[in-house]
Amino acid sequence: MPLAKNPPSPGDLRRDCICARCPTYNECTRKGKELLYCFEGKSACKLERYGCICGSCPVAKRKGFSGVYFCVAGKADVK
């Protein structure tokens, strides 16, 4: 019987998160070290939409999330 694959740890998810590379990520989000919007929900900061890279995020892809601007809209709907 194959071994069950362990779910990724929070550290793995933070390491793989690309939120900090997004054009919408700003000084406020950087200071707050905000990441993982698809899991943790929208930003506490005021954001201007300058582009979104959620669709190319390895975390979102691994979890099967679809959508964009999780930093503005909130966490992904889990299926």
C-alpha atoms as a PDB file:
ATOM      1  CA  MET A   1       0.000   0.000   0.000  1.00  0.00           C
ATOM      2  CA  PRO A   2       1.475   3.431  -0.953  1.00  0.00           C
ATOM      3  CA  LEU A   3       2.314   5.845   1.813  1.00  0.00           C
ATOM      4  CA  ALA A   4      -0.096   8.740   2.253  1.00  0.00           C
ATOM      5  CA  LYS A   5       1.374  12.028   1.130  1.00  0.00           C
ATOM      6  CA  ASN A   6       1.764  14.443   4.029  1.00  0.00           C
ATOM      7  CA  PRO A   7      -0.005  17.771   3.601  1.00  0.00           C
ATOM      8  CA  PRO A   8       2.340  20.721   3.149  1.00  0.00           C
ATOM      9  CA  SER A   9       3.391  22.442   6.335  1.00  0.00           C
ATOM     10  CA  PRO A  10       2.673  26.155   6.861  1.00  0.00           C
ATOM     11  CA  GLY A  11       6.394  26.763   6.340  1.00  0.00           C
ATOM     12  CA  ASP A  12       6.289  24.976   2.972  1.00  0.00           C
ATOM     13  CA  LEU A  13       3.303  27.042   1.890  1.00  0.00           C
ATOM     14  CA  ARG A  14       4.982  30.313   2.922  1.00  0.00           C
ATOM     15  CA  ARG A  15       8.170  29.301   1.107  1.00  0.00           C
ATOM     16  CA  ASP A  16       6.269  28.537  -2.103  1.00  0.00           C
ATOM     17  CA  CYS A  17       4.019  31.617  -1.904  1.00  0.00           C
ATOM     18  CA  ILE A  18       4.655  34.241  -4.607  1.00  0.00           C
ATOM     19  CA  CYS A  19       2.463  37.045  -3.221  1.00  0.00           C
ATOM     20  CA  ALA A  20       5.524  39.209  -2.483  1.00  0.00           C
ATOM     21  CA  ARG A  21       6.426  39.193  -6.209  1.00  0.00           C
ATOM     22  CA  CYS A  22       3.018  40.481  -7.301  1.00  0.00           C
ATOM     23  CA  PRO A  23       2.754  43.991  -8.811  1.00  0.00           C
ATOM     24  CA  THR A  24      -0.126  44.719  -6.395  1.00  0.00           C
ATOM     25  CA  TYR A  25       1.989  43.900  -3.316  1.00  0.00           C
ATOM     26  CA  ASN A  26       2.978  47.228  -1.774  1.00  0.00           C
ATOM     27  CA  GLU A  27       4.975  48.796   1.056  1.00  0.00           C
ATOM     28  CA  CYS A  28       2.177  48.219   3.597  1.00  0.00           C
ATOM     29  CA  THR A  29       1.882  44.501   2.775  1.00  0.00           C
ATOM     30  CA  ARG A  30       5.678  44.214   2.817  1.00  0.00           C
ATOM     31  CA  LYS A  31       5.886  45.787   6.287  1.00  0.00           C
ATOM     32  CA  GLY A  32       3.173  43.429   7.551  1.00  0.00           C
ATOM     33  CA  LYS A  33       4.921  40.450   5.921  1.00  0.00           C
ATOM     34  CA  GLU A  34       1.565  39.436   4.487  1.00  0.00           C
ATOM     35  CA  LEU A  35       1.458  36.246   2.407  1.00  0.00           C
ATOM     36  CA  LEU A  36      -0.896  33.394   1.533  1.00  0.00           C
ATOM     37  CA  TYR A  37      -3.953  35.493   0.769  1.00  0.00           C
ATOM     38  CA  CYS A  38      -5.555  32.446  -0.870  1.00  0.00           C
ATOM     39  CA  PHE A  39      -5.465  30.744   2.572  1.00  0.00           C
ATOM     40  CA  GLU A  40      -5.554  33.587   5.082  1.00  0.00           C
ATOM     41  CA  GLY A  41      -7.843  36.069   3.364  1.00  0.00           C
ATOM     42  CA  LYS A  42      -7.596  39.589   2.047  1.00  0.00           C
ATOM     43  CA  SER A  43      -5.050  42.173   3.038  1.00  0.00           C
ATOM     44  CA  ALA A  44      -5.536  44.633   5.868  1.00  0.00           C
ATOM     45  CA  CYS A  45      -3.787  47.212   3.664  1.00  0.00           C
ATOM     46  CA  LYS A  46      -5.298  49.520   1.064  1.00  0.00           C
ATOM     47  CA  LEU A  47      -4.367  48.069  -2.324  1.00  0.00           C
ATOM     48  CA  GLU A  48      -4.351  49.382  -5.875  1.00  0.00           C
ATOM     49  CA  ARG A  49      -4.750  46.696  -8.543  1.00  0.00           C
ATOM     50  CA  TYR A  50      -1.573  46.717 -10.646  1.00  0.00           C
ATOM     51  CA  GLY A  51      -1.794  43.151 -11.895  1.00  0.00           C
ATOM     52  CA  CYS A  52      -2.292  39.717 -10.397  1.00  0.00           C
ATOM     53  CA  ILE A  53      -0.127  36.598 -10.426  1.00  0.00           C
ATOM     54  CA  CYS A  54      -2.407  34.336  -8.371  1.00  0.00           C
ATOM     55  CA  GLY A  55      -3.046  32.179 -11.449  1.00  0.00           C
ATOM     56  CA  SER A  56       0.623  31.203 -11.629  1.00  0.00           C
ATOM     57  CA  CYS A  57       1.078  30.574  -7.896  1.00  0.00           C
ATOM     58  CA  PRO A  58       2.348  27.087  -7.014  1.00  0.00           C
ATOM     59  CA  VAL A  59       0.377  27.134  -3.752  1.00  0.00           C
ATOM     60  CA  ALA A  60      -2.914  27.946  -5.484  1.00  0.00           C
ATOM     61  CA  LYS A  61      -2.203  25.402  -8.225  1.00  0.00           C
ATOM     62  CA  ARG A  62      -1.297  22.666  -5.729  1.00  0.00           C
ATOM     63  CA  LYS A  63      -4.522  23.262  -3.819  1.00  0.00           C
ATOM     64  CA  GLY A  64      -6.663  23.531  -6.973  1.00  0.00           C
ATOM     65  CA  PHE A  65      -7.707  27.106  -6.257  1.00  0.00           C
ATOM     66  CA  SER A  66      -8.971  29.277  -9.056  1.00  0.00           C
ATOM     67  CA  GLY A  67      -9.458  32.985  -8.951  1.00  0.00           C
ATOM     68  CA  VAL A  68      -7.486  36.184  -8.829  1.00  0.00           C
ATOM     69  CA  TYR A  69      -6.765  39.038  -6.458  1.00  0.00           C
ATOM     70  CA  PHE A  70      -7.106  36.988  -3.269  1.00  0.00           C
ATOM     71  CA  CYS A  71      -5.389  39.944  -1.554  1.00  0.00           C
ATOM     72  CA  VAL A  72      -8.454  42.079  -2.368  1.00  0.00           C
ATOM     73  CA  ALA A  73     -11.276  39.525  -2.635  1.00  0.00           C
ATOM     74  CA  GLY A  74     -10.346  37.172   0.212  1.00  0.00           C
ATOM     75  CA  LYS A  75      -9.387  33.544   0.510  1.00  0.00           C
ATOM     76  CA  ALA A  76     -10.188  30.935  -2.091  1.00  0.00           C
ATOM     77  CA  ASP A  77     -13.287  28.813  -1.951  1.00  0.00           C
ATOM     78  CA  VAL A  78     -12.206  25.345  -0.950  1.00  0.00           C
ATOM     79  CA  LYS A  79     -13.861  22.621  -3.020  1.00  0.00           C
END
